[in-house]
Protein backbone atom coordinates (compact mmCIF):
# COMPACT_ATOMS: atom_id res chain seq x y z
CA UNK A 1 -21.18 2.65 12.51
CA UNK A 2 -20.01 0.28 15.23
CA UNK A 3 -23.59 -0.92 16.30
CA UNK A 4 -23.76 -1.89 12.26
CA UNK A 5 -20.49 -3.32 12.74
CA UNK A 6 -20.90 -5.02 15.51
CA UNK A 7 -24.36 -6.70 14.55
CA UNK A 8 -23.13 -7.85 11.55
CA UNK A 9 -19.85 -9.67 13.05
CA UNK A 10 -22.20 -11.13 15.85
CA UNK A 11 -24.88 -12.54 12.72
CA UNK A 12 -22.13 -14.33 11.15
CA UNK A 13 -20.55 -16.15 13.78
CA UNK A 14 -21.66 -19.60 13.20
CA UNK A 15 -20.86 -19.20 9.52
CA UNK A 16 -17.32 -18.40 10.31
CA UNK A 17 -17.36 -21.29 12.70
CA UNK A 18 -18.45 -23.52 10.26
CA UNK A 19 -16.12 -21.95 7.44
CA UNK A 20 -12.47 -21.63 9.13
CA UNK A 21 -13.14 -24.55 11.86
CA UNK A 22 -12.61 -22.22 14.93
CA UNK A 23 -13.84 -23.09 18.59
CA UNK A 24 -16.97 -21.65 19.80
CA UNK A 25 -14.88 -20.06 22.36
CA UNK A 26 -12.22 -18.25 19.85
CA UNK A 27 -15.79 -16.64 18.13
CA UNK A 28 -15.90 -14.23 21.01
CA UNK A 29 -12.49 -12.72 20.14
CA UNK A 30 -14.72 -11.74 16.69
CA UNK A 31 -16.78 -9.26 18.21
CA UNK A 32 -14.10 -8.38 21.40
CA UNK A 33 -11.47 -7.62 18.99
CA UNK A 34 -13.16 -4.57 17.21
CA UNK A 35 -14.72 -3.27 20.80
CA UNK A 36 -11.46 -3.33 22.72
CA UNK A 37 -9.63 -1.07 19.48
CA UNK A 38 -13.04 1.30 19.34
CA UNK A 39 -12.56 1.81 23.16
CA UNK A 40 -8.69 2.18 23.34
CA UNK A 41 -9.06 4.56 20.41
CA UNK A 42 -11.89 6.59 20.63
CA UNK A 43 -10.70 9.79 22.90
CA UNK A 44 -7.91 10.09 19.96
CA UNK A 45 -10.47 10.51 17.29
CA UNK A 46 -11.42 14.00 18.66
CA UNK A 47 -8.34 15.10 18.92
CA UNK A 48 -7.19 13.81 15.43
CA UNK A 49 -10.28 15.83 14.31
CA UNK A 50 -9.25 18.99 15.87
CA UNK A 51 -5.33 18.45 14.47
CA UNK A 52 -6.04 17.34 11.10
CA UNK A 53 -9.51 18.09 10.26
CA UNK A 54 -12.99 16.49 10.88
CA UNK A 55 -13.72 15.48 7.29
CA UNK A 56 -9.89 14.90 6.32
CA UNK A 57 -10.11 12.22 9.66
CA UNK A 58 -13.53 10.95 9.09
CA UNK A 59 -13.18 10.01 5.41
CA UNK A 60 -10.18 8.21 6.54
CA UNK A 61 -12.07 6.50 8.85
CA UNK A 62 -14.30 5.35 6.65
CA UNK A 63 -11.27 3.91 4.20
CA UNK A 64 -10.35 2.40 6.90
CA UNK A 65 -13.70 0.61 7.91
CA UNK A 66 -14.19 -0.17 4.02
CA UNK A 67 -9.93 -2.02 3.98
CA UNK A 68 -10.96 -3.82 7.02
CA UNK A 69 -14.42 -5.20 6.06
CA UNK A 70 -12.61 -5.87 2.69
CA UNK A 71 -10.20 -7.58 4.59
CA UNK A 72 -12.32 -10.10 6.29
CA UNK A 73 -14.70 -10.88 3.60
CA UNK A 74 -11.72 -12.38 1.53
CA UNK A 75 -9.69 -13.89 4.85
CA UNK A 76 -9.58 -17.26 4.92
CA UNK A 77 -8.19 -17.82 8.23
CA UNK A 78 -8.46 -16.86 11.84
CA UNK A 79 -6.02 -14.99 11.78
CA UNK A 80 -6.91 -12.79 9.42
CA UNK A 81 -10.18 -12.21 10.35
CA UNK A 82 -9.14 -10.62 13.56
CA UNK A 83 -6.69 -8.29 11.71
CA UNK A 84 -9.38 -7.03 9.25
CA UNK A 85 -11.84 -6.76 12.33
CA UNK A 86 -8.79 -4.71 14.32
CA UNK A 87 -8.39 -2.34 10.85
CA UNK A 88 -12.58 -1.68 10.77
CA UNK A 89 -12.14 -0.35 14.38
CA UNK A 90 -10.07 2.11 13.16
CA UNK A 91 -12.90 3.98 11.40
CA UNK A 92 -15.64 4.47 13.91
CA UNK A 93 -12.88 6.07 16.93
CA UNK A 94 -12.05 8.33 13.71
CA UNK A 95 -15.30 10.32 13.43
CA UNK A 96 -15.50 12.84 16.03
CA UNK A 97 -18.27 14.02 16.93
CA UNK A 98 -20.11 17.43 14.42
CA UNK A 99 -18.39 20.41 15.87
CA UNK A 100 -20.80 23.03 17.67
């Protein structure tokens, strides 16, 4: 999920710059915000899965990813894009690896 999400964001940077009037230097925050939040929470994903159930945590992560992506899709400002990317990044780290 992370790879697809980052690839989608990178492929839309030029359109975001034109539509939202974002400075080129600020565009790096679109992918960096997502990666930063995923990296900060990745260690917690396994613990949440063990505590609350892997399936429940996985479904919560999918819902967070969908909600954040929808927020990005309907945003009309750069701050909203960053907030949506942060919300979407709760999805991948909440997907713990399958149990052995």
